[in-house]
Amino acid sequence: MSNSAAQARNVAIEAQPLVKVSKNTGFFSGIASSYADIWRHRDLLGQLTRREIRAKYKASVLGIVWSLIRPLTQLLIYYFAMFAIPTSYFTKRRVLDYGRLAGSLCMCTQ
């Protein structure tokens, strides 16, 4: 597109009046209309979501299971670090010293 054609196009666009697309709505009515639009187009949303998930895990061996493995392993690590190991350590001493536990965990995370 040449420079003069682009300028002519800009002048033509500036000459057009602004058209109001939707009515002014309040906060809650705007949220309600957004949810209504989502509900109306739920089939499209489902198709796009399925396509995105298929494309994301297309080349992986375990597919969508990978998205579950990481949070579950993190949950197991937190379980052992916060419950299983401290409980077994402090029950042998019969003293629950959470101050030392919190301090040692803070030192380990730095």
PDB file of N, CA and C in Angstrom:
ATOM      1  N   MET A   1       0.852  -1.166   0.000  1.00  0.00           N
ATOM      2  CA  MET A   1       0.000   0.000   0.000  1.00  0.00           C
ATOM      3  C   MET A   1       0.900   1.231   0.000  1.00  0.00           C
ATOM      4  N   SER A   2       0.630   2.122  -0.900  1.00  0.00           N
ATOM      5  CA  SER A   2       1.469   3.309  -0.989  1.00  0.00           C
ATOM      6  C   SER A   2       1.109   4.303   0.108  1.00  0.00           C
ATOM      7  N   ASN A   3       1.965   5.278   0.273  1.00  0.00           N
ATOM      8  CA  ASN A   3       1.794   6.269   1.328  1.00  0.00           C
ATOM      9  C   ASN A   3       0.545   7.113   1.104  1.00  0.00           C
ATOM     10  N   SER A   4       0.284   7.509  -0.139  1.00  0.00           N
ATOM     11  CA  SER A   4      -0.898   8.333  -0.424  1.00  0.00           C
ATOM     12  C   SER A   4      -2.181   7.530  -0.225  1.00  0.00           C
ATOM     13  N   ALA A   5      -2.153   6.242  -0.557  1.00  0.00           N
ATOM     14  CA  ALA A   5      -3.337   5.404  -0.356  1.00  0.00           C
ATOM     15  C   ALA A   5      -3.608   5.223   1.132  1.00  0.00           C
ATOM     16  N   ALA A   6      -2.559   5.097   1.915  1.00  0.00           N
ATOM     17  CA  ALA A   6      -2.723   4.944   3.356  1.00  0.00           C
ATOM     18  C   ALA A   6      -3.274   6.221   3.964  1.00  0.00           C
ATOM     19  N   GLN A   7      -2.799   7.376   3.498  1.00  0.00           N
ATOM     20  CA  GLN A   7      -3.315   8.641   4.012  1.00  0.00           C
ATOM     21  C   GLN A   7      -4.778   8.825   3.636  1.00  0.00           C
ATOM     22  N   ALA A   8      -5.142   8.459   2.421  1.00  0.00           N
ATOM     23  CA  ALA A   8      -6.538   8.575   1.992  1.00  0.00           C
ATOM     24  C   ALA A   8      -7.427   7.660   2.835  1.00  0.00           C
ATOM     25  N   ARG A   9      -6.939   6.502   3.151  1.00  0.00           N
ATOM     26  CA  ARG A   9      -7.696   5.569   3.993  1.00  0.00           C
ATOM     27  C   ARG A   9      -7.870   6.132   5.402  1.00  0.00           C
ATOM     28  N   ASN A  10      -6.817   6.706   5.969  1.00  0.00           N
ATOM     29  CA  ASN A  10      -6.898   7.314   7.301  1.00  0.00           C
ATOM     30  C   ASN A  10      -7.903   8.455   7.331  1.00  0.00           C
ATOM     31  N   VAL A  11      -7.929   9.287   6.274  1.00  0.00           N
ATOM     32  CA  VAL A  11      -8.886  10.398   6.213  1.00  0.00           C
ATOM     33  C   VAL A  11     -10.311   9.856   6.145  1.00  0.00           C
ATOM     34  N   ALA A  12     -10.527   8.802   5.356  1.00  0.00           N
ATOM     35  CA  ALA A  12     -11.864   8.221   5.229  1.00  0.00           C
ATOM     36  C   ALA A  12     -12.330   7.612   6.551  1.00  0.00           C
ATOM     37  N   ILE A  13     -11.413   6.994   7.291  1.00  0.00           N
ATOM     38  CA  ILE A  13     -11.769   6.395   8.591  1.00  0.00           C
ATOM     39  C   ILE A  13     -12.080   7.486   9.606  1.00  0.00           C
ATOM     40  N   GLU A  14     -11.303   8.569   9.599  1.00  0.00           N
ATOM     41  CA  GLU A  14     -11.552   9.657  10.542  1.00  0.00           C
ATOM     42  C   GLU A  14     -12.871  10.362  10.271  1.00  0.00           C
ATOM     43  N   ALA A  15     -13.329  10.356   9.034  1.00  0.00           N
ATOM     44  CA  ALA A  15     -14.578  11.031   8.679  1.00  0.00           C
ATOM     45  C   ALA A  15     -15.806  10.244   9.140  1.00  0.00           C
ATOM     46  N   GLN A  16     -15.655   8.960   9.384  1.00  0.00           N
ATOM     47  CA  GLN A  16     -16.805   8.156   9.788  1.00  0.00           C
ATOM     48  C   GLN A  16     -17.153   8.421  11.243  1.00  0.00           C
ATOM     49  N   PRO A  17     -18.451   8.441  11.565  1.00  0.00           N
ATOM     50  CA  PRO A  17     -18.855   8.675  12.956  1.00  0.00           C
ATOM     51  C   PRO A  17     -18.641   7.414  13.797  1.00  0.00           C
ATOM     52  N   LEU A  18     -18.478   7.624  15.099  1.00  0.00           N
ATOM     53  CA  LEU A  18     -18.355   6.496  16.007  1.00  0.00           C
ATOM     54  C   LEU A  18     -19.720   5.853  16.205  1.00  0.00           C
ATOM     55  N   VAL A  19     -19.762   4.540  16.179  1.00  0.00           N
ATOM     56  CA  VAL A  19     -21.003   3.803  16.361  1.00  0.00           C
ATOM     57  C   VAL A  19     -20.937   3.094  17.705  1.00  0.00           C
ATOM     58  N   LYS A  20     -21.973   3.281  18.503  1.00  0.00           N
ATOM     59  CA  LYS A  20     -22.023   2.630  19.805  1.00  0.00           C
ATOM     60  C   LYS A  20     -22.402   1.167  19.590  1.00  0.00           C
ATOM     61  N   VAL A  21     -21.570   0.268  20.077  1.00  0.00           N
ATOM     62  CA  VAL A  21     -21.787  -1.150  19.844  1.00  0.00           C
ATOM     63  C   VAL A  21     -22.773  -1.735  20.841  1.00  0.00           C
ATOM     64  N   SER A  22     -22.635  -1.392  22.088  1.00  0.00           N
ATOM     65  CA  SER A  22     -23.534  -1.943  23.103  1.00  0.00           C
ATOM     66  C   SER A  22     -23.942  -0.831  24.054  1.00  0.00           C
ATOM     67  N   LYS A  23     -24.969  -1.112  24.821  1.00  0.00           N
ATOM     68  CA  LYS A  23     -25.451  -0.109  25.768  1.00  0.00           C
ATOM     69  C   LYS A  23     -24.525  -0.056  26.979  1.00  0.00           C
ATOM     70  N   ASN A  24     -24.541   1.054  27.662  1.00  0.00           N
ATOM     71  CA  ASN A  24     -23.779   1.186  28.899  1.00  0.00           C
ATOM     72  C   ASN A  24     -24.469   0.368  29.981  1.00  0.00           C
ATOM     73  N   THR A  25     -23.712  -0.466  30.625  1.00  0.00           N
ATOM     74  CA  THR A  25     -24.281  -1.290  31.681  1.00  0.00           C
ATOM     75  C   THR A  25     -23.509  -1.071  32.964  1.00  0.00           C
ATOM     76  N   GLY A  26     -24.156  -1.393  34.061  1.00  0.00           N
ATOM     77  CA  GLY A  26     -23.488  -1.310  35.342  1.00  0.00           C
ATOM     78  C   GLY A  26     -22.557  -2.487  35.540  1.00  0.00           C
ATOM     79  N   PHE A  27     -21.907  -2.502  36.674  1.00  0.00           N
ATOM     80  CA  PHE A  27     -20.921  -3.537  36.958  1.00  0.00           C
ATOM     81  C   PHE A  27     -21.556  -4.924  37.000  1.00  0.00           C
ATOM     82  N   PHE A  28     -22.619  -5.079  37.789  1.00  0.00           N
ATOM     83  CA  PHE A  28     -23.222  -6.405  37.966  1.00  0.00           C
ATOM     84  C   PHE A  28     -23.987  -6.861  36.731  1.00  0.00           C
ATOM     85  N   SER A  29     -24.645  -5.938  36.053  1.00  0.00           N
ATOM     86  CA  SER A  29     -25.340  -6.341  34.828  1.00  0.00           C
ATOM     87  C   SER A  29     -24.339  -6.682  33.730  1.00  0.00           C
ATOM     88  N   GLY A  30     -23.167  -6.028  33.756  1.00  0.00           N
ATOM     89  CA  GLY A  30     -22.120  -6.374  32.797  1.00  0.00           C
ATOM     90  C   GLY A  30     -21.569  -7.764  33.047  1.00  0.00           C
ATOM     91  N   ILE A  31     -21.403  -8.120  34.330  1.00  0.00           N
ATOM     92  CA  ILE A  31     -20.942  -9.465  34.669  1.00  0.00           C
ATOM     93  C   ILE A  31     -21.980 -10.491  34.258  1.00  0.00           C
ATOM     94  N   ALA A  32     -23.252 -10.188  34.525  1.00  0.00           N
ATOM     95  CA  ALA A  32     -24.323 -11.120  34.166  1.00  0.00           C
ATOM     96  C   ALA A  32     -24.380 -11.326  32.658  1.00  0.00           C
ATOM     97  N   SER A  33     -24.215 -10.255  31.896  1.00  0.00           N
ATOM     98  CA  SER A  33     -24.248 -10.416  30.441  1.00  0.00           C
ATOM     99  C   SER A  33     -23.021 -11.195  29.950  1.00  0.00           C
ATOM    100  N   SER A  34     -21.873 -11.022  30.619  1.00  0.00           N
ATOM    101  CA  SER A  34     -20.686 -11.793  30.240  1.00  0.00           C
ATOM    102  C   SER A  34     -20.909 -13.283  30.479  1.00  0.00           C
ATOM    103  N   TYR A  35     -21.481 -13.626  31.640  1.00  0.00           N
ATOM    104  CA  TYR A  35     -21.780 -15.033  31.911  1.00  0.00           C
ATOM    105  C   TYR A  35     -22.829 -15.572  30.950  1.00  0.00           C
ATOM    106  N   ALA A  36     -23.785 -14.755  30.583  1.00  0.00           N
ATOM    107  CA  ALA A  36     -24.796 -15.188  29.608  1.00  0.00           C
ATOM    108  C   ALA A  36     -24.151 -15.458  28.256  1.00  0.00           C
ATOM    109  N   ASP A  37     -23.199 -14.606  27.848  1.00  0.00           N
ATOM    110  CA  ASP A  37     -22.490 -14.841  26.584  1.00  0.00           C
ATOM    111  C   ASP A  37     -21.676 -16.132  26.636  1.00  0.00           C
ATOM    112  N   ILE A  38     -21.027 -16.366  27.755  1.00  0.00           N
ATOM    113  CA  ILE A  38     -20.249 -17.600  27.901  1.00  0.00           C
ATOM    114  C   ILE A  38     -21.175 -18.810  27.835  1.00  0.00           C
ATOM    115  N   TRP A  39     -22.316 -18.729  28.489  1.00  0.00           N
ATOM    116  CA  TRP A  39     -23.265 -19.846  28.480  1.00  0.00           C
ATOM    117  C   TRP A  39     -23.807 -20.068  27.079  1.00  0.00           C
ATOM    118  N   ARG A  40     -24.064 -18.981  26.348  1.00  0.00           N
ATOM    119  CA  ARG A  40     -24.580 -19.107  24.994  1.00  0.00           C
ATOM    120  C   ARG A  40     -23.565 -19.756  24.066  1.00  0.00           C
ATOM    121  N   HIS A  41     -22.297 -19.504  24.307  1.00  0.00           N
ATOM    122  CA  HIS A  41     -21.248 -20.033  23.432  1.00  0.00           C
ATOM    123  C   HIS A  41     -20.447 -21.146  24.104  1.00  0.00           C
ATOM    124  N   ARG A  42     -21.079 -21.891  24.981  1.00  0.00           N
ATOM    125  CA  ARG A  42     -20.379 -22.938  25.727  1.00  0.00           C
ATOM    126  C   ARG A  42     -19.874 -24.054  24.823  1.00  0.00           C
ATOM    127  N   ASP A  43     -20.582 -24.351  23.734  1.00  0.00           N
ATOM    128  CA  ASP A  43     -20.103 -25.386  22.810  1.00  0.00           C
ATOM    129  C   ASP A  43     -18.794 -24.968  22.156  1.00  0.00           C
ATOM    130  N   LEU A  44     -18.728 -23.726  21.727  1.00  0.00           N
ATOM    131  CA  LEU A  44     -17.500 -23.221  21.123  1.00  0.00           C
ATOM    132  C   LEU A  44     -16.363 -23.212  22.140  1.00  0.00           C
ATOM    133  N   LEU A  45     -16.660 -22.800  23.358  1.00  0.00           N
ATOM    134  CA  LEU A  45     -15.642 -22.789  24.408  1.00  0.00           C
ATOM    135  C   LEU A  45     -15.119 -24.197  24.675  1.00  0.00           C
ATOM    136  N   GLY A  46     -16.009 -25.188  24.704  1.00  0.00           N
ATOM    137  CA  GLY A  46     -15.591 -26.578  24.904  1.00  0.00           C
ATOM    138  C   GLY A  46     -14.721 -27.083  23.764  1.00  0.00           C
ATOM    139  N   GLN A  47     -15.113 -26.763  22.535  1.00  0.00           N
ATOM    140  CA  GLN A  47     -14.321 -27.202  21.373  1.00  0.00           C
ATOM    141  C   GLN A  47     -12.926 -26.568  21.388  1.00  0.00           C
ATOM    142  N   LEU A  48     -12.860 -25.279  21.686  1.00  0.00           N
ATOM    143  CA  LEU A  48     -11.558 -24.606  21.714  1.00  0.00           C
ATOM    144  C   LEU A  48     -10.682 -25.133  22.842  1.00  0.00           C
ATOM    145  N   THR A  49     -11.291 -25.439  23.984  1.00  0.00           N
ATOM    146  CA  THR A  49     -10.526 -25.980  25.104  1.00  0.00           C
ATOM    147  C   THR A  49      -9.980 -27.357  24.772  1.00  0.00           C
ATOM    148  N   ARG A  50     -10.821 -28.224  24.216  1.00  0.00           N
ATOM    149  CA  ARG A  50     -10.350 -29.562  23.837  1.00  0.00           C
ATOM    150  C   ARG A  50      -9.234 -29.490  22.800  1.00  0.00           C
ATOM    151  N   ARG A  51      -9.388 -28.594  21.825  1.00  0.00           N
ATOM    152  CA  ARG A  51      -8.359 -28.460  20.795  1.00  0.00           C
ATOM    153  C   ARG A  51      -7.041 -27.977  21.395  1.00  0.00           C
ATOM    154  N   GLU A  52      -7.114 -27.041  22.331  1.00  0.00           N
ATOM    155  CA  GLU A  52      -5.905 -26.520  22.966  1.00  0.00           C
ATOM    156  C   GLU A  52      -5.204 -27.594  23.783  1.00  0.00           C
ATOM    157  N   ILE A  53      -5.968 -28.394  24.518  1.00  0.00           N
ATOM    158  CA  ILE A  53      -5.372 -29.456  25.328  1.00  0.00           C
ATOM    159  C   ILE A  53      -4.747 -30.521  24.436  1.00  0.00           C
ATOM    160  N   ARG A  54      -5.438 -30.880  23.365  1.00  0.00           N
ATOM    161  CA  ARG A  54      -4.862 -31.865  22.426  1.00  0.00           C
ATOM    162  C   ARG A  54      -3.575 -31.353  21.807  1.00  0.00           C
ATOM    163  N   ALA A  55      -3.547 -30.087  21.432  1.00  0.00           N
ATOM    164  CA  ALA A  55      -2.353 -29.524  20.805  1.00  0.00           C
ATOM    165  C   ALA A  55      -1.199 -29.422  21.806  1.00  0.00           C
ATOM    166  N   LYS A  56      -1.510 -29.126  23.059  1.00  0.00           N
ATOM    167  CA  LYS A  56      -0.463 -28.963  24.063  1.00  0.00           C
ATOM    168  C   LYS A  56       0.226 -30.288  24.376  1.00  0.00           C
ATOM    169  N   TYR A  57      -0.529 -31.361  24.466  1.00  0.00           N
ATOM    170  CA  TYR A  57       0.030 -32.649  24.871  1.00  0.00           C
ATOM    171  C   TYR A  57       0.131 -33.636  23.712  1.00  0.00           C
ATOM    172  N   LYS A  58       0.162 -33.147  22.482  1.00  0.00           N
ATOM    173  CA  LYS A  58       0.172 -34.015  21.307  1.00  0.00           C
ATOM    174  C   LYS A  58       1.443 -34.864  21.225  1.00  0.00           C
ATOM    175  N   ALA A  59       2.591 -34.280  21.476  1.00  0.00           N
ATOM    176  CA  ALA A  59       3.851 -34.994  21.293  1.00  0.00           C
ATOM    177  C   ALA A  59       4.367 -35.652  22.567  1.00  0.00           C
ATOM    178  N   SER A  60       3.637 -35.558  23.665  1.00  0.00           N
ATOM    179  CA  SER A  60       4.134 -36.144  24.908  1.00  0.00           C
ATOM    180  C   SER A  60       3.690 -37.594  25.031  1.00  0.00           C
ATOM    181  N   VAL A  61       4.445 -38.348  25.786  1.00  0.00           N
ATOM    182  CA  VAL A  61       4.181 -39.777  25.928  1.00  0.00           C
ATOM    183  C   VAL A  61       2.943 -40.026  26.776  1.00  0.00           C
ATOM    184  N   LEU A  62       2.854 -39.357  27.909  1.00  0.00           N
ATOM    185  CA  LEU A  62       1.737 -39.603  28.826  1.00  0.00           C
ATOM    186  C   LEU A  62       0.569 -38.658  28.624  1.00  0.00           C
ATOM    187  N   GLY A  63       0.700 -37.682  27.768  1.00  0.00           N
ATOM    188  CA  GLY A  63      -0.404 -36.780  27.477  1.00  0.00           C
ATOM    189  C   GLY A  63      -0.774 -35.913  28.654  1.00  0.00           C
ATOM    190  N   ILE A  64      -2.052 -35.861  28.942  1.00  0.00           N
ATOM    191  CA  ILE A  64      -2.568 -34.962  29.978  1.00  0.00           C
ATOM    192  C   ILE A  64      -2.165 -35.409  31.376  1.00  0.00           C
ATOM    193  N   VAL A  65      -1.698 -36.637  31.522  1.00  0.00           N
ATOM    194  CA  VAL A  65      -1.273 -37.133  32.832  1.00  0.00           C
ATOM    195  C   VAL A  65      -0.108 -36.295  33.367  1.00  0.00           C
ATOM    196  N   TRP A  66       0.712 -35.730  32.461  1.00  0.00           N
ATOM    197  CA  TRP A  66       1.824 -34.892  32.895  1.00  0.00           C
ATOM    198  C   TRP A  66       1.335 -33.694  33.706  1.00  0.00           C
ATOM    199  N   SER A  67       0.169 -33.170  33.363  1.00  0.00           N
ATOM    200  CA  SER A  67      -0.330 -32.011  34.106  1.00  0.00           C
ATOM    201  C   SER A  67      -0.790 -32.393  35.502  1.00  0.00           C
ATOM    202  N   LEU A  68      -0.992 -33.673  35.771  1.00  0.00           N
ATOM    203  CA  LEU A  68      -1.375 -34.139  37.099  1.00  0.00           C
ATOM    204  C   LEU A  68      -0.175 -34.604  37.925  1.00  0.00           C
ATOM    205  N   ILE A  69       0.869 -35.068  37.256  1.00  0.00           N
ATOM    206  CA  ILE A  69       2.019 -35.631  37.964  1.00  0.00           C
ATOM    207  C   ILE A  69       2.744 -34.574  38.790  1.00  0.00           C
ATOM    208  N   ARG A  70       2.976 -33.399  38.224  1.00  0.00           N
ATOM    209  CA  ARG A  70       3.744 -32.373  38.933  1.00  0.00           C
ATOM    210  C   ARG A  70       3.051 -31.904  40.216  1.00  0.00           C
ATOM    211  N   PRO A  71       1.766 -31.547  40.199  1.00  0.00           N
ATOM    212  CA  PRO A  71       1.140 -31.140  41.463  1.00  0.00           C
ATOM    213  C   PRO A  71       1.079 -32.267  42.489  1.00  0.00           C
ATOM    214  N   LEU A  72       0.892 -33.499  42.037  1.00  0.00           N
ATOM    215  CA  LEU A  72       0.837 -34.608  42.989  1.00  0.00           C
ATOM    216  C   LEU A  72       2.199 -34.854  43.635  1.00  0.00           C
ATOM    217  N   THR A  73       3.264 -34.761  42.860  1.00  0.00           N
ATOM    218  CA  THR A  73       4.591 -34.928  43.466  1.00  0.00           C
ATOM    219  C   THR A  73       4.906 -33.784  44.419  1.00  0.00           C
ATOM    220  N   GLN A  74       4.484 -32.580  44.066  1.00  0.00           N
ATOM    221  CA  GLN A  74       4.700 -31.447  44.960  1.00  0.00           C
ATOM    222  C   GLN A  74       3.902 -31.629  46.254  1.00  0.00           C
ATOM    223  N   LEU A  75       2.704 -32.174  46.155  1.00  0.00           N
ATOM    224  CA  LEU A  75       1.898 -32.453  47.337  1.00  0.00           C
ATOM    225  C   LEU A  75       2.580 -33.497  48.225  1.00  0.00           C
ATOM    226  N   LEU A  76       3.145 -34.538  47.621  1.00  0.00           N
ATOM    227  CA  LEU A  76       3.853 -35.550  48.400  1.00  0.00           C
ATOM    228  C   LEU A  76       5.083 -34.973  49.099  1.00  0.00           C
ATOM    229  N   ILE A  77       5.812 -34.120  48.404  1.00  0.00           N
ATOM    230  CA  ILE A  77       6.992 -33.499  49.012  1.00  0.00           C
ATOM    231  C   ILE A  77       6.580 -32.641  50.199  1.00  0.00           C
ATOM    232  N   TYR A  78       5.536 -31.833  50.033  1.00  0.00           N
ATOM    233  CA  TYR A  78       5.056 -31.008  51.149  1.00  0.00           C
ATOM    234  C   TYR A  78       4.551 -31.871  52.293  1.00  0.00           C
ATOM    235  N   TYR A  79       3.900 -32.972  51.985  1.00  0.00           N
ATOM    236  CA  TYR A  79       3.394 -33.858  53.029  1.00  0.00           C
ATOM    237  C   TYR A  79       4.552 -34.385  53.874  1.00  0.00           C
ATOM    238  N   PHE A  80       5.590 -34.884  53.212  1.00  0.00           N
ATOM    239  CA  PHE A  80       6.717 -35.425  53.950  1.00  0.00           C
ATOM    240  C   PHE A  80       7.504 -34.336  54.672  1.00  0.00           C
ATOM    241  N   ALA A  81       7.673 -33.183  54.047  1.00  0.00           N
ATOM    242  CA  ALA A  81       8.455 -32.115  54.668  1.00  0.00           C
ATOM    243  C   ALA A  81       7.724 -31.468  55.830  1.00  0.00           C
ATOM    244  N   MET A  82       6.416 -31.360  55.761  1.00  0.00           N
ATOM    245  CA  MET A  82       5.678 -30.639  56.792  1.00  0.00           C
ATOM    246  C   MET A  82       4.996 -31.541  57.825  1.00  0.00           C
ATOM    247  N   PHE A  83       4.778 -32.813  57.465  1.00  0.00           N
ATOM    248  CA  PHE A  83       4.019 -33.652  58.398  1.00  0.00           C
ATOM    249  C   PHE A  83       4.755 -34.934  58.792  1.00  0.00           C
ATOM    250  N   ALA A  84       5.100 -35.736  57.836  1.00  0.00           N
ATOM    251  CA  ALA A  84       5.615 -37.069  58.146  1.00  0.00           C
ATOM    252  C   ALA A  84       6.969 -37.014  58.850  1.00  0.00           C
ATOM    253  N   ILE A  85       7.926 -36.307  58.301  1.00  0.00           N
ATOM    254  CA  ILE A  85       9.262 -36.262  58.894  1.00  0.00           C
ATOM    255  C   ILE A  85       9.263 -35.524  60.231  1.00  0.00           C
ATOM    256  N   PRO A  86       8.679 -34.315  60.328  1.00  0.00           N
ATOM    257  CA  PRO A  86       8.677 -33.638  61.640  1.00  0.00           C
ATOM    258  C   PRO A  86       7.898 -34.405  62.704  1.00  0.00           C
ATOM    259  N   THR A  87       6.803 -35.034  62.335  1.00  0.00           N
ATOM    260  CA  THR A  87       6.028 -35.774  63.319  1.00  0.00           C
ATOM    261  C   THR A  87       6.820 -36.951  63.859  1.00  0.00           C
ATOM    262  N   SER A  88       7.476 -37.698  62.975  1.00  0.00           N
ATOM    263  CA  SER A  88       8.256 -38.838  63.442  1.00  0.00           C
ATOM    264  C   SER A  88       9.450 -38.388  64.280  1.00  0.00           C
ATOM    265  N   TYR A  89      10.054 -37.251  63.923  1.00  0.00           N
ATOM    266  CA  TYR A  89      11.204 -36.751  64.681  1.00  0.00           C
ATOM    267  C   TYR A  89      10.785 -36.264  66.060  1.00  0.00           C
ATOM    268  N   PHE A  90       9.724 -35.475  66.122  1.00  0.00           N
ATOM    269  CA  PHE A  90       9.339 -34.875  67.395  1.00  0.00           C
ATOM    270  C   PHE A  90       8.583 -35.839  68.302  1.00  0.00           C
ATOM    271  N   THR A  91       7.946 -36.871  67.752  1.00  0.00           N
ATOM    272  CA  THR A  91       7.265 -37.809  68.633  1.00  0.00           C
ATOM    273  C   THR A  91       8.258 -38.713  69.345  1.00  0.00           C
ATOM    274  N   LYS A  92       9.437 -38.925  68.776  1.00  0.00           N
ATOM    275  CA  LYS A  92      10.465 -39.694  69.482  1.00  0.00           C
ATOM    276  C   LYS A  92      10.928 -38.935  70.718  1.00  0.00           C
ATOM    277  N   ARG A  93      11.002 -37.620  70.590  1.00  0.00           N
ATOM    278  CA  ARG A  93      11.439 -36.800  71.716  1.00  0.00           C
ATOM    279  C   ARG A  93      10.268 -36.443  72.635  1.00  0.00           C
ATOM    280  N   ARG A  94       9.045 -36.723  72.173  1.00  0.00           N
ATOM    281  CA  ARG A  94       7.817 -36.413  72.899  1.00  0.00           C
ATOM    282  C   ARG A  94       7.676 -34.909  73.162  1.00  0.00           C
ATOM    283  N   VAL A  95       8.288 -34.132  72.316  1.00  0.00           N
ATOM    284  CA  VAL A  95       8.180 -32.679  72.427  1.00  0.00           C
ATOM    285  C   VAL A  95       7.901 -32.144  71.029  1.00  0.00           C
ATOM    286  N   LEU A  96       6.856 -31.391  70.897  1.00  0.00           N
ATOM    287  CA  LEU A  96       6.552 -30.771  69.610  1.00  0.00           C
ATOM    288  C   LEU A  96       7.057 -29.331  69.641  1.00  0.00           C
ATOM    289  N   ASP A  97       8.230 -29.128  69.107  1.00  0.00           N
ATOM    290  CA  ASP A  97       8.861 -27.813  69.104  1.00  0.00           C
ATOM    291  C   ASP A  97       8.704 -27.207  67.716  1.00  0.00           C
ATOM    292  N   TYR A  98       7.548 -26.562  67.488  1.00  0.00           N
ATOM    293  CA  TYR A  98       7.264 -26.012  66.171  1.00  0.00           C
ATOM    294  C   TYR A  98       8.110 -24.778  65.872  1.00  0.00           C
ATOM    295  N   GLY A  99       8.626 -24.111  66.878  1.00  0.00           N
ATOM    296  CA  GLY A  99       9.502 -22.969  66.653  1.00  0.00           C
ATOM    297  C   GLY A  99      10.794 -23.384  65.969  1.00  0.00           C
ATOM    298  N   ARG A 100      11.407 -24.443  66.461  1.00  0.00           N
ATOM    299  CA  ARG A 100      12.632 -24.948  65.826  1.00  0.00           C
ATOM    300  C   ARG A 100      12.343 -25.489  64.435  1.00  0.00           C
ATOM    301  N   LEU A 101      11.202 -26.170  64.318  1.00  0.00           N
ATOM    302  CA  LEU A 101      10.819 -26.705  63.002  1.00  0.00           C
ATOM    303  C   LEU A 101      10.651 -25.586  61.992  1.00  0.00           C
ATOM    304  N   ALA A 102       9.942 -24.536  62.367  1.00  0.00           N
ATOM    305  CA  ALA A 102       9.718 -23.413  61.443  1.00  0.00           C
ATOM    306  C   ALA A 102      11.042 -22.734  61.103  1.00  0.00           C
ATOM    307  N   GLY A 103      11.902 -22.572  62.104  1.00  0.00           N
ATOM    308  CA  GLY A 103      13.208 -21.950  61.853  1.00  0.00           C
ATOM    309  C   GLY A 103      14.070 -22.774  60.923  1.00  0.00           C
ATOM    310  N   SER A 104      14.088 -24.075  61.137  1.00  0.00           N
ATOM    311  CA  SER A 104      14.904 -24.928  60.270  1.00  0.00           C
ATOM    312  C   SER A 104      14.344 -24.967  58.849  1.00  0.00           C
ATOM    313  N   LEU A 105      13.029 -24.935  58.713  1.00  0.00           N
ATOM    314  CA  LEU A 105      12.441 -24.911  57.371  1.00  0.00           C
ATOM    315  C   LEU A 105      12.746 -23.612  56.676  1.00  0.00           C
ATOM    316  N   CYS A 106      12.722 -22.514  57.417  1.00  0.00           N
ATOM    317  CA  CYS A 106      13.067 -21.219  56.817  1.00  0.00           C
ATOM    318  C   CYS A 106      14.515 -21.184  56.378  1.00  0.00           C
ATOM    319  N   MET A 107      15.393 -21.765  57.163  1.00  0.00           N
ATOM    320  CA  MET A 107      16.809 -21.802  56.798  1.00  0.00           C
ATOM    321  C   MET A 107      17.050 -22.698  55.602  1.00  0.00           C
ATOM    322  N   CYS A 108      16.273 -23.779  55.486  1.00  0.00           N
ATOM    323  CA  CYS A 108      16.458 -24.704  54.378  1.00  0.00           C
ATOM    324  C   CYS A 108      15.968 -24.110  53.057  1.00  0.00           C
ATOM    325  N   THR A 109      14.994 -23.239  53.119  1.00  0.00           N
ATOM    326  CA  THR A 109      14.435 -22.707  51.883  1.00  0.00           C
ATOM    327  C   THR A 109      15.231 -21.539  51.336  1.00  0.00           C
ATOM    328  N   GLN A 110      16.159 -21.012  52.103  1.00  0.00           N
ATOM    329  CA  GLN A 110      16.930 -19.859  51.618  1.00  0.00           C
ATOM    330  C   GLN A 110      18.094 -20.272  50.787  1.00  0.00           C
TER     331      GLN A 110
END
